[in-house]
Amino acid sequence: MTELPPGAERALWLVTGDVFSFDNQLGFAFVRPEHLMPLTPEEAPETLDALMLD
């Protein structure tokens, strides 16, 4: 079980599926919300633009 410190400002999202966590655990990872991509790019075009490479 993963526990956040009592002073944590935000919760983590549990992401499942075809993912690898930083310690190479297959199938799930805990991710902060700011690192999640929207399901459709139209919901956050500025995020998509920031991630696109020229």
PDB file of N, CA and C in Angstrom:
ATOM      1  N   MET A   1       0.843  -1.173   0.000  1.00  0.00           N
ATOM      2  CA  MET A   1       0.000   0.000   0.000  1.00  0.00           C
ATOM      3  C   MET A   1       0.890   1.239   0.000  1.00  0.00           C
ATOM      4  N   THR A   2       0.504   2.239  -0.784  1.00  0.00           N
ATOM      5  CA  THR A   2       1.239   3.492  -0.838  1.00  0.00           C
ATOM      6  C   THR A   2       0.502   4.527  -0.009  1.00  0.00           C
ATOM      7  N   GLU A   3       1.208   5.181   0.883  1.00  0.00           N
ATOM      8  CA  GLU A   3       0.606   6.227   1.698  1.00  0.00           C
ATOM      9  C   GLU A   3       1.329   7.539   1.445  1.00  0.00           C
ATOM     10  N   LEU A   4       0.552   8.611   1.328  1.00  0.00           N
ATOM     11  CA  LEU A   4       1.139   9.930   1.175  1.00  0.00           C
ATOM     12  C   LEU A   4       1.460  10.505   2.540  1.00  0.00           C
ATOM     13  N   PRO A   5       2.458  11.356   2.629  1.00  0.00           N
ATOM     14  CA  PRO A   5       2.732  12.020   3.901  1.00  0.00           C
ATOM     15  C   PRO A   5       1.534  12.873   4.318  1.00  0.00           C
ATOM     16  N   PRO A   6       1.323  13.082   5.608  1.00  0.00           N
ATOM     17  CA  PRO A   6       0.176  13.880   6.069  1.00  0.00           C
ATOM     18  C   PRO A   6       0.136  15.279   5.465  1.00  0.00           C
ATOM     19  N   GLY A   7       1.278  15.869   5.131  1.00  0.00           N
ATOM     20  CA  GLY A   7       1.303  17.219   4.581  1.00  0.00           C
ATOM     21  C   GLY A   7       1.239  17.282   3.071  1.00  0.00           C
ATOM     22  N   ALA A   8       0.945  16.173   2.400  1.00  0.00           N
ATOM     23  CA  ALA A   8       0.902  16.161   0.933  1.00  0.00           C
ATOM     24  C   ALA A   8      -0.194  17.090   0.430  1.00  0.00           C
ATOM     25  N   GLU A   9       0.145  17.875  -0.594  1.00  0.00           N
ATOM     26  CA  GLU A   9      -0.812  18.841  -1.132  1.00  0.00           C
ATOM     27  C   GLU A   9      -1.817  18.215  -2.086  1.00  0.00           C
ATOM     28  N   ARG A  10      -1.442  17.146  -2.774  1.00  0.00           N
ATOM     29  CA  ARG A  10      -2.329  16.543  -3.771  1.00  0.00           C
ATOM     30  C   ARG A  10      -2.322  15.030  -3.642  1.00  0.00           C
ATOM     31  N   ALA A  11      -3.377  14.451  -4.131  1.00  0.00           N
ATOM     32  CA  ALA A  11      -3.455  12.985  -4.183  1.00  0.00           C
ATOM     33  C   ALA A  11      -2.736  12.486  -5.431  1.00  0.00           C
ATOM     34  N   LEU A  12      -2.455  11.202  -5.448  1.00  0.00           N
ATOM     35  CA  LEU A  12      -1.902  10.548  -6.629  1.00  0.00           C
ATOM     36  C   LEU A  12      -3.016   9.790  -7.333  1.00  0.00           C
ATOM     37  N   TRP A  13      -2.896   9.629  -8.640  1.00  0.00           N
ATOM     38  CA  TRP A  13      -3.822   8.810  -9.409  1.00  0.00           C
ATOM     39  C   TRP A  13      -3.172   7.458  -9.634  1.00  0.00           C
ATOM     40  N   LEU A  14      -3.946   6.397  -9.489  1.00  0.00           N
ATOM     41  CA  LEU A  14      -3.462   5.057  -9.811  1.00  0.00           C
ATOM     42  C   LEU A  14      -3.752   4.812 -11.280  1.00  0.00           C
ATOM     43  N   VAL A  15      -2.707   4.587 -12.072  1.00  0.00           N
ATOM     44  CA  VAL A  15      -2.832   4.338 -13.504  1.00  0.00           C
ATOM     45  C   VAL A  15      -2.545   2.865 -13.731  1.00  0.00           C
ATOM     46  N   THR A  16      -3.456   2.174 -14.420  1.00  0.00           N
ATOM     47  CA  THR A  16      -3.282   0.751 -14.681  1.00  0.00           C
ATOM     48  C   THR A  16      -3.251   0.506 -16.182  1.00  0.00           C
ATOM     49  N   GLY A  17      -2.803  -0.657 -16.571  1.00  0.00           N
ATOM     50  CA  GLY A  17      -2.778  -1.013 -17.983  1.00  0.00           C
ATOM     51  C   GLY A  17      -1.364  -1.242 -18.465  1.00  0.00           C
ATOM     52  N   ASP A  18      -1.076  -0.807 -19.677  1.00  0.00           N
ATOM     53  CA  ASP A  18       0.220  -1.030 -20.317  1.00  0.00           C
ATOM     54  C   ASP A  18       1.189   0.075 -19.898  1.00  0.00           C
ATOM     55  N   VAL A  19       1.586   0.078 -18.627  1.00  0.00           N
ATOM     56  CA  VAL A  19       2.488   1.100 -18.099  1.00  0.00           C
ATOM     57  C   VAL A  19       3.630   0.441 -17.330  1.00  0.00           C
ATOM     58  N   PHE A  20       4.726   1.160 -17.216  1.00  0.00           N
ATOM     59  CA  PHE A  20       5.848   0.765 -16.365  1.00  0.00           C
ATOM     60  C   PHE A  20       6.079   1.890 -15.377  1.00  0.00           C
ATOM     61  N   SER A  21       6.243   1.567 -14.116  1.00  0.00           N
ATOM     62  CA  SER A  21       6.562   2.589 -13.125  1.00  0.00           C
ATOM     63  C   SER A  21       8.066   2.837 -13.130  1.00  0.00           C
ATOM     64  N   PHE A  22       8.501   3.843 -12.392  1.00  0.00           N
ATOM     65  CA  PHE A  22       9.921   4.187 -12.379  1.00  0.00           C
ATOM     66  C   PHE A  22      10.794   3.049 -11.868  1.00  0.00           C
ATOM     67  N   ASP A  23      10.233   2.154 -11.050  1.00  0.00           N
ATOM     68  CA  ASP A  23      11.022   1.023 -10.544  1.00  0.00           C
ATOM     69  C   ASP A  23      10.708  -0.265 -11.305  1.00  0.00           C
ATOM     70  N   ASN A  24      10.232  -0.109 -12.561  1.00  0.00           N
ATOM     71  CA  ASN A  24       9.986  -1.211 -13.498  1.00  0.00           C
ATOM     72  C   ASN A  24       8.914  -2.197 -13.061  1.00  0.00           C
ATOM     73  N   GLN A  25       7.957  -1.761 -12.255  1.00  0.00           N
ATOM     74  CA  GLN A  25       6.813  -2.616 -11.953  1.00  0.00           C
ATOM     75  C   GLN A  25       5.837  -2.504 -13.117  1.00  0.00           C
ATOM     76  N   LEU A  26       5.500  -3.615 -13.692  1.00  0.00           N
ATOM     77  CA  LEU A  26       4.626  -3.644 -14.858  1.00  0.00           C
ATOM     78  C   LEU A  26       3.171  -3.626 -14.425  1.00  0.00           C
ATOM     79  N   GLY A  27       2.357  -2.821 -15.092  1.00  0.00           N
ATOM     80  CA  GLY A  27       0.915  -2.891 -14.916  1.00  0.00           C
ATOM     81  C   GLY A  27       0.284  -1.799 -14.095  1.00  0.00           C
ATOM     82  N   PHE A  28       1.054  -1.071 -13.284  1.00  0.00           N
ATOM     83  CA  PHE A  28       0.457   0.030 -12.540  1.00  0.00           C
ATOM     84  C   PHE A  28       1.530   1.038 -12.152  1.00  0.00           C
ATOM     85  N   ALA A  29       1.091   2.255 -11.918  1.00  0.00           N
ATOM     86  CA  ALA A  29       1.995   3.305 -11.441  1.00  0.00           C
ATOM     87  C   ALA A  29       1.153   4.355 -10.741  1.00  0.00           C
ATOM     88  N   PHE A  30       1.728   5.006  -9.758  1.00  0.00           N
ATOM     89  CA  PHE A  30       1.074   6.132  -9.107  1.00  0.00           C
ATOM     90  C   PHE A  30       1.631   7.405  -9.726  1.00  0.00           C
ATOM     91  N   VAL A  31       0.736   8.272 -10.192  1.00  0.00           N
ATOM     92  CA  VAL A  31       1.132   9.437 -10.967  1.00  0.00           C
ATOM     93  C   VAL A  31       0.448  10.678 -10.404  1.00  0.00           C
ATOM     94  N   ARG A  32       1.173  11.778 -10.312  1.00  0.00           N
ATOM     95  CA  ARG A  32       0.564  13.042  -9.904  1.00  0.00           C
ATOM     96  C   ARG A  32      -0.294  13.567 -11.062  1.00  0.00           C
ATOM     97  N   PRO A  33      -1.391  14.265 -10.757  1.00  0.00           N
ATOM     98  CA  PRO A  33      -2.321  14.717 -11.802  1.00  0.00           C
ATOM     99  C   PRO A  33      -1.673  15.563 -12.893  1.00  0.00           C
ATOM    100  N   GLU A  34      -0.675  16.368 -12.558  1.00  0.00           N
ATOM    101  CA  GLU A  34      -0.073  17.239 -13.572  1.00  0.00           C
ATOM    102  C   GLU A  34       0.704  16.469 -14.632  1.00  0.00           C
ATOM    103  N   HIS A  35       0.961  15.184 -14.418  1.00  0.00           N
ATOM    104  CA  HIS A  35       1.677  14.368 -15.397  1.00  0.00           C
ATOM    105  C   HIS A  35       0.741  13.522 -16.261  1.00  0.00           C
ATOM    106  N   LEU A  36      -0.563  13.632 -16.056  1.00  0.00           N
ATOM    107  CA  LEU A  36      -1.529  12.869 -16.845  1.00  0.00           C
ATOM    108  C   LEU A  36      -1.894  13.628 -18.109  1.00  0.00           C
ATOM    109  N   MET A  37      -2.033  12.922 -19.205  1.00  0.00           N
ATOM    110  CA  MET A  37      -2.500  13.522 -20.449  1.00  0.00           C
ATOM    111  C   MET A  37      -4.016  13.453 -20.484  1.00  0.00           C
ATOM    112  N   PRO A  38      -4.680  14.453 -21.082  1.00  0.00           N
ATOM    113  CA  PRO A  38      -6.136  14.381 -21.225  1.00  0.00           C
ATOM    114  C   PRO A  38      -6.523  13.248 -22.175  1.00  0.00           C
ATOM    115  N   LEU A  39      -7.736  12.739 -22.021  1.00  0.00           N
ATOM    116  CA  LEU A  39      -8.190  11.665 -22.899  1.00  0.00           C
ATOM    117  C   LEU A  39      -8.319  12.130 -24.336  1.00  0.00           C
ATOM    118  N   THR A  40      -8.728  13.372 -24.527  1.00  0.00           N
ATOM    119  CA  THR A  40      -8.792  13.942 -25.872  1.00  0.00           C
ATOM    120  C   THR A  40      -7.991  15.237 -25.876  1.00  0.00           C
ATOM    121  N   PRO A  41      -7.140  15.446 -26.866  1.00  0.00           N
ATOM    122  CA  PRO A  41      -6.306  16.651 -26.900  1.00  0.00           C
ATOM    123  C   PRO A  41      -7.104  17.950 -26.905  1.00  0.00           C
ATOM    124  N   GLU A  42      -8.333  17.913 -27.396  1.00  0.00           N
ATOM    125  CA  GLU A  42      -9.142  19.121 -27.457  1.00  0.00           C
ATOM    126  C   GLU A  42      -9.459  19.669 -26.067  1.00  0.00           C
ATOM    127  N   GLU A  43      -9.399  18.803 -25.048  1.00  0.00           N
ATOM    128  CA  GLU A  43      -9.709  19.247 -23.695  1.00  0.00           C
ATOM    129  C   GLU A  43      -8.615  20.142 -23.130  1.00  0.00           C
ATOM    130  N   ALA A  44      -7.402  20.014 -23.611  1.00  0.00           N
ATOM    131  CA  ALA A  44      -6.294  20.816 -23.107  1.00  0.00           C
ATOM    132  C   ALA A  44      -5.283  21.074 -24.220  1.00  0.00           C
ATOM    133  N   PRO A  45      -5.640  21.924 -25.197  1.00  0.00           N
ATOM    134  CA  PRO A  45      -4.725  22.145 -26.328  1.00  0.00           C
ATOM    135  C   PRO A  45      -3.391  22.749 -25.903  1.00  0.00           C
ATOM    136  N   GLU A  46      -3.377  23.564 -24.838  1.00  0.00           N
ATOM    137  CA  GLU A  46      -2.109  24.151 -24.405  1.00  0.00           C
ATOM    138  C   GLU A  46      -1.155  23.081 -23.880  1.00  0.00           C
ATOM    139  N   THR A  47      -1.697  22.025 -23.280  1.00  0.00           N
ATOM    140  CA  THR A  47      -0.863  20.916 -22.813  1.00  0.00           C
ATOM    141  C   THR A  47      -0.274  20.179 -24.003  1.00  0.00           C
ATOM    142  N   LEU A  48      -1.080  19.931 -25.001  1.00  0.00           N
ATOM    143  CA  LEU A  48      -0.606  19.251 -26.202  1.00  0.00           C
ATOM    144  C   LEU A  48       0.474  20.072 -26.892  1.00  0.00           C
ATOM    145  N   ASP A  49       0.253  21.390 -27.020  1.00  0.00           N
ATOM    146  CA  ASP A  49       1.243  22.254 -27.658  1.00  0.00           C
ATOM    147  C   ASP A  49       2.568  22.248 -26.897  1.00  0.00           C
ATOM    148  N   ALA A  50       2.505  22.229 -25.578  1.00  0.00           N
ATOM    149  CA  ALA A  50       3.723  22.244 -24.768  1.00  0.00           C
ATOM    150  C   ALA A  50       4.519  20.956 -24.932  1.00  0.00           C
ATOM    151  N   LEU A  51       3.844  19.864 -25.248  1.00  0.00           N
ATOM    152  CA  LEU A  51       4.516  18.579 -25.367  1.00  0.00           C
ATOM    153  C   LEU A  51       4.999  18.274 -26.781  1.00  0.00           C
ATOM    154  N   MET A  52       4.535  19.029 -27.761  1.00  0.00           N
ATOM    155  CA  MET A  52       4.925  18.780 -29.146  1.00  0.00           C
ATOM    156  C   MET A  52       6.339  19.293 -29.391  1.00  0.00           C
ATOM    157  N   LEU A  53       7.112  18.520 -30.125  1.00  0.00           N
ATOM    158  CA  LEU A  53       8.463  18.928 -30.492  1.00  0.00           C
ATOM    159  C   LEU A  53       8.464  19.463 -31.908  1.00  0.00           C
ATOM    160  N   ASP A  54       9.280  20.466 -32.156  1.00  0.00           N
ATOM    161  CA  ASP A  54       9.374  21.023 -33.516  1.00  0.00           C
ATOM    162  C   ASP A  54      10.252  20.160 -34.385  1.00  0.00           C
TER     163      ASP A  54
END
